[in-house]
Amino acid sequence: MTALGPQPPGIPVPSPSPVSAPYWDAAREGRLVYQKCAGCGHVPPRPSRRCWRCGGGELKWLDSAGTGTLHSWTVVWRPQHPSFVTPYAPVVMAVDEGWWLVTALVGCDDGDIREGMALEVQFHPAGGGIWLPYVAPRA
C-alpha cells in the first residue's frame, strides 16, 4: 500500500475564465462553492452563464459544506503528464448538497479506498495562485 498525497506545485493548472473565476477565488480562500439555478434548482456540472436544464440566467454561487461520499475512483500509476507524482487516485465524490465533484483522494493508502467512504474537502496549492480541492477521509 502507498500513501496518497496532493500533487506538488508545478503540475498543469487551470486558467480561470470570467465564468469560473468565483470558483477559483473561493478555492484560494479554502471554500468550496458551486452554482445552482435559481429558477429550476439544477446544479450544472461546471461553471456556466446559463442553466443547462432550463436555460435561465440566474445561476447563484453557493457555499458547500465540502462533505460527501466516495462514488467512484481509480488509482493511477502511469501519469498523464511527467510532473505528476504517482500513485494518485482520481475520484468522484457525491457531494452532500446533491452534485458531483471530480478530484483526487489524499490522506489514506491506496489499499484503503472503499465505495461509500465519508469524505471532506481540503485545499492544496498547485502553483500560479491556484489552489485545488482534494478530498480526504472524514474522521
N, C-alpha and C. Protein backbone atom coordinates (compact mmCIF):
# COMPACT_ATOMS: atom_id res chain seq x y z
N MET A 1 0.84 -1.17 0.00
CA MET A 1 0.00 0.00 0.00
C MET A 1 0.89 1.24 0.00
N THR A 2 0.39 2.29 -0.64
CA THR A 2 1.13 3.54 -0.77
C THR A 2 0.26 4.71 -0.34
N ALA A 3 0.84 5.63 0.43
CA ALA A 3 0.11 6.81 0.90
C ALA A 3 -0.17 7.75 -0.27
N LEU A 4 -1.38 8.28 -0.28
CA LEU A 4 -1.80 9.23 -1.30
C LEU A 4 -1.70 10.64 -0.75
N GLY A 5 -1.05 11.52 -1.51
CA GLY A 5 -0.91 12.91 -1.09
C GLY A 5 -1.23 13.85 -2.23
N PRO A 6 -1.30 15.14 -1.94
CA PRO A 6 -1.56 16.11 -3.00
C PRO A 6 -0.37 16.21 -3.95
N GLN A 7 -0.63 16.63 -5.15
CA GLN A 7 0.44 16.84 -6.13
C GLN A 7 1.24 18.07 -5.71
N PRO A 8 2.55 18.05 -5.97
CA PRO A 8 3.36 19.23 -5.63
C PRO A 8 3.07 20.36 -6.62
N PRO A 9 3.29 21.61 -6.20
CA PRO A 9 3.14 22.72 -7.15
C PRO A 9 3.98 22.46 -8.39
N GLY A 10 3.46 22.87 -9.53
CA GLY A 10 4.17 22.68 -10.79
C GLY A 10 3.44 21.80 -11.78
N ILE A 11 2.33 21.17 -11.35
CA ILE A 11 1.53 20.39 -12.30
C ILE A 11 0.76 21.37 -13.19
N PRO A 12 0.27 20.92 -14.34
CA PRO A 12 -0.55 21.81 -15.16
C PRO A 12 -1.77 22.27 -14.35
N VAL A 13 -2.05 23.56 -14.39
CA VAL A 13 -3.18 24.12 -13.64
C VAL A 13 -4.18 24.76 -14.59
N PRO A 14 -5.42 24.90 -14.15
CA PRO A 14 -6.42 25.55 -14.98
C PRO A 14 -6.16 27.04 -15.13
N SER A 15 -6.71 27.61 -16.17
CA SER A 15 -6.69 29.06 -16.38
C SER A 15 -8.11 29.55 -16.12
N PRO A 16 -8.35 30.21 -14.98
CA PRO A 16 -9.70 30.68 -14.69
C PRO A 16 -10.23 31.61 -15.78
N SER A 17 -11.49 31.44 -16.11
CA SER A 17 -12.19 32.30 -17.06
C SER A 17 -13.07 33.27 -16.26
N PRO A 18 -13.66 34.25 -16.90
CA PRO A 18 -14.58 35.12 -16.16
C PRO A 18 -15.74 34.34 -15.52
N VAL A 19 -16.15 33.24 -16.14
CA VAL A 19 -17.25 32.44 -15.59
C VAL A 19 -16.78 31.60 -14.41
N SER A 20 -15.57 31.03 -14.47
CA SER A 20 -15.09 30.15 -13.40
C SER A 20 -14.32 30.86 -12.30
N ALA A 21 -13.99 32.14 -12.48
CA ALA A 21 -13.17 32.87 -11.50
C ALA A 21 -13.73 32.82 -10.08
N PRO A 22 -15.07 32.93 -9.86
CA PRO A 22 -15.55 32.84 -8.48
C PRO A 22 -15.21 31.50 -7.81
N TYR A 23 -15.21 30.43 -8.58
CA TYR A 23 -14.85 29.11 -8.04
C TYR A 23 -13.40 29.12 -7.56
N TRP A 24 -12.49 29.60 -8.42
CA TRP A 24 -11.07 29.58 -8.09
C TRP A 24 -10.72 30.58 -7.00
N ASP A 25 -11.42 31.72 -6.96
CA ASP A 25 -11.22 32.69 -5.88
C ASP A 25 -11.60 32.07 -4.54
N ALA A 26 -12.74 31.37 -4.51
CA ALA A 26 -13.19 30.71 -3.28
C ALA A 26 -12.20 29.62 -2.86
N ALA A 27 -11.70 28.85 -3.82
CA ALA A 27 -10.74 27.78 -3.51
C ALA A 27 -9.50 28.35 -2.85
N ARG A 28 -9.05 29.50 -3.33
CA ARG A 28 -7.87 30.15 -2.74
C ARG A 28 -8.15 30.55 -1.29
N GLU A 29 -9.42 30.79 -0.96
CA GLU A 29 -9.82 31.12 0.41
C GLU A 29 -10.15 29.88 1.24
N GLY A 30 -10.02 28.69 0.64
CA GLY A 30 -10.33 27.46 1.35
C GLY A 30 -11.81 27.14 1.41
N ARG A 31 -12.58 27.65 0.44
CA ARG A 31 -14.03 27.40 0.38
C ARG A 31 -14.38 26.67 -0.91
N LEU A 32 -15.26 25.69 -0.80
CA LEU A 32 -15.78 25.00 -1.97
C LEU A 32 -17.13 25.63 -2.31
N VAL A 33 -17.27 26.11 -3.54
CA VAL A 33 -18.53 26.71 -3.98
C VAL A 33 -19.04 26.00 -5.22
N TYR A 34 -20.32 26.16 -5.47
CA TYR A 34 -20.94 25.58 -6.66
C TYR A 34 -22.06 26.49 -7.12
N GLN A 35 -22.46 26.35 -8.39
CA GLN A 35 -23.56 27.12 -8.93
C GLN A 35 -24.85 26.33 -8.85
N LYS A 36 -25.94 27.04 -8.65
CA LYS A 36 -27.27 26.43 -8.64
C LYS A 36 -28.23 27.40 -9.31
N CYS A 37 -29.09 26.88 -10.17
CA CYS A 37 -30.06 27.70 -10.89
C CYS A 37 -31.16 28.14 -9.93
N ALA A 38 -31.40 29.45 -9.88
CA ALA A 38 -32.45 29.99 -9.02
C ALA A 38 -33.84 29.62 -9.57
N GLY A 39 -33.91 29.32 -10.88
CA GLY A 39 -35.20 29.01 -11.50
C GLY A 39 -35.65 27.57 -11.29
N CYS A 40 -34.76 26.62 -11.59
CA CYS A 40 -35.18 25.21 -11.54
C CYS A 40 -34.42 24.36 -10.52
N GLY A 41 -33.38 24.93 -9.90
CA GLY A 41 -32.63 24.20 -8.88
C GLY A 41 -31.54 23.30 -9.41
N HIS A 42 -31.34 23.28 -10.73
CA HIS A 42 -30.30 22.42 -11.33
C HIS A 42 -28.91 22.92 -10.95
N VAL A 43 -27.98 21.98 -10.72
CA VAL A 43 -26.57 22.29 -10.47
C VAL A 43 -25.81 21.88 -11.72
N PRO A 44 -25.28 22.85 -12.49
CA PRO A 44 -24.54 22.48 -13.70
C PRO A 44 -23.23 21.77 -13.35
N PRO A 45 -22.74 20.90 -14.23
CA PRO A 45 -21.51 20.15 -13.95
C PRO A 45 -20.25 20.99 -13.96
N ARG A 46 -20.31 22.18 -14.51
CA ARG A 46 -19.17 23.10 -14.48
C ARG A 46 -19.72 24.52 -14.54
N PRO A 47 -18.92 25.52 -14.14
CA PRO A 47 -19.42 26.89 -14.15
C PRO A 47 -19.98 27.29 -15.51
N SER A 48 -21.10 27.98 -15.47
CA SER A 48 -21.85 28.31 -16.68
C SER A 48 -22.46 29.70 -16.57
N ARG A 49 -22.80 30.26 -17.72
CA ARG A 49 -23.54 31.53 -17.74
C ARG A 49 -25.05 31.29 -17.69
N ARG A 50 -25.48 30.13 -18.20
CA ARG A 50 -26.91 29.81 -18.25
C ARG A 50 -27.12 28.39 -17.76
N CYS A 51 -28.30 28.15 -17.25
CA CYS A 51 -28.65 26.82 -16.75
C CYS A 51 -28.72 25.82 -17.89
N TRP A 52 -28.13 24.67 -17.67
CA TRP A 52 -28.12 23.61 -18.69
C TRP A 52 -29.50 22.99 -18.85
N ARG A 53 -30.34 23.06 -17.82
CA ARG A 53 -31.65 22.42 -17.86
C ARG A 53 -32.72 23.36 -18.41
N CYS A 54 -32.87 24.55 -17.82
CA CYS A 54 -33.99 25.43 -18.20
C CYS A 54 -33.56 26.62 -19.05
N GLY A 55 -32.26 26.85 -19.19
CA GLY A 55 -31.77 27.97 -19.99
C GLY A 55 -31.79 29.30 -19.26
N GLY A 56 -32.20 29.29 -18.00
CA GLY A 56 -32.25 30.52 -17.21
C GLY A 56 -30.87 31.08 -16.94
N GLY A 57 -30.82 32.39 -16.71
CA GLY A 57 -29.54 33.06 -16.48
C GLY A 57 -29.30 33.44 -15.04
N GLU A 58 -30.06 32.86 -14.11
CA GLU A 58 -29.92 33.21 -12.70
C GLU A 58 -29.21 32.11 -11.93
N LEU A 59 -27.93 31.93 -12.23
CA LEU A 59 -27.13 30.94 -11.52
C LEU A 59 -26.45 31.62 -10.33
N LYS A 60 -26.68 31.09 -9.15
CA LYS A 60 -26.14 31.66 -7.92
C LYS A 60 -24.97 30.79 -7.43
N TRP A 61 -23.93 31.45 -6.90
CA TRP A 61 -22.82 30.74 -6.28
C TRP A 61 -23.19 30.49 -4.82
N LEU A 62 -23.09 29.23 -4.39
CA LEU A 62 -23.40 28.84 -3.02
C LEU A 62 -22.20 28.16 -2.38
N ASP A 63 -22.06 28.30 -1.07
CA ASP A 63 -21.01 27.60 -0.34
C ASP A 63 -21.44 26.17 -0.08
N SER A 64 -20.52 25.25 -0.27
CA SER A 64 -20.75 23.84 0.04
C SER A 64 -20.12 23.53 1.39
N ALA A 65 -20.69 22.58 2.11
CA ALA A 65 -20.07 22.11 3.35
C ALA A 65 -18.79 21.34 3.04
N GLY A 66 -18.63 20.90 1.77
CA GLY A 66 -17.41 20.19 1.38
C GLY A 66 -17.35 18.75 1.87
N THR A 67 -18.52 18.17 2.12
CA THR A 67 -18.57 16.79 2.59
C THR A 67 -19.39 15.94 1.62
N GLY A 68 -19.11 14.64 1.63
CA GLY A 68 -19.84 13.73 0.77
C GLY A 68 -19.31 12.32 0.93
N THR A 69 -19.64 11.48 -0.05
CA THR A 69 -19.20 10.09 -0.02
C THR A 69 -18.56 9.71 -1.34
N LEU A 70 -17.66 8.74 -1.27
CA LEU A 70 -16.95 8.27 -2.45
C LEU A 70 -17.89 7.45 -3.33
N HIS A 71 -17.98 7.84 -4.59
CA HIS A 71 -18.83 7.15 -5.55
C HIS A 71 -18.01 6.25 -6.47
N SER A 72 -16.89 6.78 -6.98
CA SER A 72 -16.08 6.04 -7.95
C SER A 72 -14.64 6.52 -7.86
N TRP A 73 -13.70 5.66 -8.27
CA TRP A 73 -12.28 6.01 -8.21
C TRP A 73 -11.46 5.08 -9.09
N THR A 74 -10.22 5.47 -9.28
CA THR A 74 -9.19 4.63 -9.87
C THR A 74 -7.87 5.05 -9.25
N VAL A 75 -6.85 4.23 -9.36
CA VAL A 75 -5.52 4.59 -8.89
C VAL A 75 -4.61 4.63 -10.12
N VAL A 76 -3.92 5.75 -10.28
CA VAL A 76 -3.07 5.97 -11.45
C VAL A 76 -1.62 5.71 -11.06
N TRP A 77 -0.97 4.84 -11.85
CA TRP A 77 0.45 4.52 -11.65
C TRP A 77 1.30 5.03 -12.80
N ARG A 78 0.65 5.35 -13.93
CA ARG A 78 1.35 5.90 -15.10
C ARG A 78 0.73 7.27 -15.37
N PRO A 79 1.40 8.35 -15.00
CA PRO A 79 0.78 9.67 -15.06
C PRO A 79 0.56 10.17 -16.49
N GLN A 80 -0.44 11.05 -16.61
CA GLN A 80 -0.75 11.63 -17.91
C GLN A 80 0.24 12.74 -18.29
N HIS A 81 1.00 13.23 -17.30
CA HIS A 81 1.97 14.29 -17.52
C HIS A 81 3.17 14.00 -16.61
N PRO A 82 4.39 14.23 -17.09
CA PRO A 82 5.57 13.88 -16.28
C PRO A 82 5.69 14.62 -14.95
N SER A 83 4.98 15.72 -14.75
CA SER A 83 5.08 16.45 -13.49
C SER A 83 4.24 15.83 -12.37
N PHE A 84 3.36 14.89 -12.71
CA PHE A 84 2.52 14.26 -11.69
C PHE A 84 3.30 13.18 -10.94
N VAL A 85 3.08 13.14 -9.63
CA VAL A 85 3.70 12.13 -8.77
C VAL A 85 2.70 10.98 -8.59
N THR A 86 3.15 9.75 -8.78
CA THR A 86 2.27 8.60 -8.63
C THR A 86 2.58 7.87 -7.33
N PRO A 87 1.64 7.12 -6.81
CA PRO A 87 0.28 6.99 -7.33
C PRO A 87 -0.57 8.18 -6.90
N TYR A 88 -1.64 8.39 -7.66
CA TYR A 88 -2.68 9.32 -7.25
C TYR A 88 -4.01 8.68 -7.60
N ALA A 89 -5.05 9.12 -6.91
CA ALA A 89 -6.35 8.47 -7.05
C ALA A 89 -7.43 9.48 -7.44
N PRO A 90 -7.72 9.62 -8.74
CA PRO A 90 -8.87 10.44 -9.15
C PRO A 90 -10.16 9.81 -8.62
N VAL A 91 -11.05 10.65 -8.11
CA VAL A 91 -12.29 10.15 -7.53
C VAL A 91 -13.46 11.01 -7.96
N VAL A 92 -14.65 10.42 -7.83
CA VAL A 92 -15.90 11.15 -7.96
C VAL A 92 -16.57 11.09 -6.59
N MET A 93 -16.79 12.27 -6.00
CA MET A 93 -17.47 12.35 -4.71
C MET A 93 -18.89 12.82 -4.93
N ALA A 94 -19.85 12.10 -4.32
CA ALA A 94 -21.24 12.55 -4.28
C ALA A 94 -21.31 13.57 -3.15
N VAL A 95 -21.40 14.84 -3.50
CA VAL A 95 -21.41 15.92 -2.52
C VAL A 95 -22.77 15.95 -1.82
N ASP A 96 -22.76 16.20 -0.52
CA ASP A 96 -23.99 16.16 0.27
C ASP A 96 -25.08 17.10 -0.25
N GLU A 97 -24.71 18.19 -0.92
CA GLU A 97 -25.72 19.11 -1.45
C GLU A 97 -26.35 18.64 -2.76
N GLY A 98 -25.95 17.45 -3.24
CA GLY A 98 -26.61 16.89 -4.42
C GLY A 98 -25.92 17.12 -5.75
N TRP A 99 -24.62 17.26 -5.76
CA TRP A 99 -23.88 17.39 -7.02
C TRP A 99 -22.63 16.52 -6.93
N TRP A 100 -21.86 16.47 -8.01
CA TRP A 100 -20.69 15.60 -8.10
C TRP A 100 -19.43 16.44 -8.17
N LEU A 101 -18.38 16.00 -7.48
CA LEU A 101 -17.08 16.65 -7.54
C LEU A 101 -16.07 15.63 -8.02
N VAL A 102 -15.36 15.97 -9.09
CA VAL A 102 -14.28 15.13 -9.60
C VAL A 102 -12.98 15.76 -9.11
N THR A 103 -12.19 14.99 -8.37
CA THR A 103 -10.96 15.50 -7.77
C THR A 103 -10.03 14.33 -7.51
N ALA A 104 -9.16 14.43 -6.51
CA ALA A 104 -8.25 13.34 -6.15
C ALA A 104 -8.32 13.12 -4.64
N LEU A 105 -8.10 11.88 -4.25
CA LEU A 105 -8.14 11.48 -2.85
C LEU A 105 -6.76 11.59 -2.24
N VAL A 106 -6.68 12.11 -1.02
CA VAL A 106 -5.44 12.21 -0.26
C VAL A 106 -5.69 11.75 1.17
N GLY A 107 -4.62 11.53 1.92
CA GLY A 107 -4.76 11.26 3.33
C GLY A 107 -5.07 9.83 3.71
N CYS A 108 -4.84 8.89 2.79
CA CYS A 108 -5.01 7.48 3.11
C CYS A 108 -4.12 6.66 2.17
N ASP A 109 -4.05 5.38 2.39
CA ASP A 109 -3.30 4.49 1.50
C ASP A 109 -4.19 4.05 0.35
N ASP A 110 -3.58 3.75 -0.78
CA ASP A 110 -4.37 3.35 -1.95
C ASP A 110 -5.18 2.08 -1.69
N GLY A 111 -4.74 1.22 -0.80
CA GLY A 111 -5.46 -0.01 -0.49
C GLY A 111 -6.63 0.18 0.47
N ASP A 112 -6.77 1.38 1.03
CA ASP A 112 -7.85 1.65 1.99
C ASP A 112 -9.08 2.27 1.34
N ILE A 113 -9.05 2.49 0.04
CA ILE A 113 -10.16 3.16 -0.64
C ILE A 113 -11.37 2.22 -0.72
N ARG A 114 -12.52 2.73 -0.32
CA ARG A 114 -13.75 1.94 -0.32
C ARG A 114 -14.92 2.78 -0.81
N GLU A 115 -15.79 2.18 -1.61
CA GLU A 115 -17.01 2.85 -2.05
C GLU A 115 -17.82 3.27 -0.84
N GLY A 116 -18.36 4.48 -0.89
CA GLY A 116 -19.21 4.97 0.18
C GLY A 116 -18.46 5.59 1.35
N MET A 117 -17.11 5.60 1.31
CA MET A 117 -16.38 6.18 2.45
C MET A 117 -16.70 7.67 2.56
N ALA A 118 -16.82 8.14 3.80
CA ALA A 118 -17.13 9.54 4.07
C ALA A 118 -15.91 10.39 3.78
N LEU A 119 -16.12 11.49 3.03
CA LEU A 119 -15.01 12.34 2.60
C LEU A 119 -15.28 13.80 2.95
N GLU A 120 -14.19 14.56 3.04
CA GLU A 120 -14.30 16.01 3.20
C GLU A 120 -13.23 16.68 2.35
N VAL A 121 -13.54 17.89 1.90
CA VAL A 121 -12.64 18.62 1.01
C VAL A 121 -11.57 19.34 1.82
N GLN A 122 -10.37 19.37 1.25
CA GLN A 122 -9.28 20.20 1.74
C GLN A 122 -8.58 20.79 0.52
N PHE A 123 -7.95 21.92 0.69
CA PHE A 123 -7.33 22.62 -0.44
C PHE A 123 -5.81 22.62 -0.31
N HIS A 124 -5.14 22.48 -1.47
CA HIS A 124 -3.68 22.48 -1.51
C HIS A 124 -3.22 23.35 -2.69
N PRO A 125 -2.10 24.09 -2.52
CA PRO A 125 -1.61 24.94 -3.60
C PRO A 125 -1.06 24.10 -4.75
N ALA A 126 -1.36 24.55 -5.97
CA ALA A 126 -0.87 23.86 -7.16
C ALA A 126 0.10 24.72 -7.96
N GLY A 127 0.28 25.97 -7.55
CA GLY A 127 1.15 26.89 -8.28
C GLY A 127 0.34 27.90 -9.06
N GLY A 128 0.95 29.01 -9.37
CA GLY A 128 0.29 30.03 -10.17
C GLY A 128 -0.92 30.66 -9.48
N GLY A 129 -0.97 30.62 -8.15
CA GLY A 129 -2.10 31.19 -7.43
C GLY A 129 -3.33 30.30 -7.40
N ILE A 130 -3.22 29.09 -7.92
CA ILE A 130 -4.35 28.15 -7.96
C ILE A 130 -4.25 27.19 -6.78
N TRP A 131 -5.36 27.04 -6.08
CA TRP A 131 -5.50 26.05 -5.01
C TRP A 131 -6.51 25.02 -5.47
N LEU A 132 -6.14 23.75 -5.39
CA LEU A 132 -7.01 22.68 -5.86
C LEU A 132 -7.75 22.01 -4.70
N PRO A 133 -9.02 21.67 -4.93
CA PRO A 133 -9.74 20.89 -3.92
C PRO A 133 -9.35 19.42 -4.05
N TYR A 134 -8.99 18.82 -2.94
CA TYR A 134 -8.77 17.39 -2.83
C TYR A 134 -9.78 16.89 -1.80
N VAL A 135 -9.97 15.59 -1.71
CA VAL A 135 -10.81 15.04 -0.67
C VAL A 135 -10.00 14.04 0.16
N ALA A 136 -10.34 14.00 1.45
CA ALA A 136 -9.67 13.09 2.39
C ALA A 136 -10.74 12.38 3.20
N PRO A 137 -10.41 11.20 3.74
CA PRO A 137 -11.38 10.51 4.59
C PRO A 137 -11.77 11.38 5.79
N ARG A 138 -13.07 11.38 6.08
CA ARG A 138 -13.58 12.10 7.26
C ARG A 138 -13.35 11.24 8.49
N ALA A 139 -12.95 11.88 9.57
CA ALA A 139 -12.71 11.16 10.82
C ALA A 139 -14.02 10.74 11.48
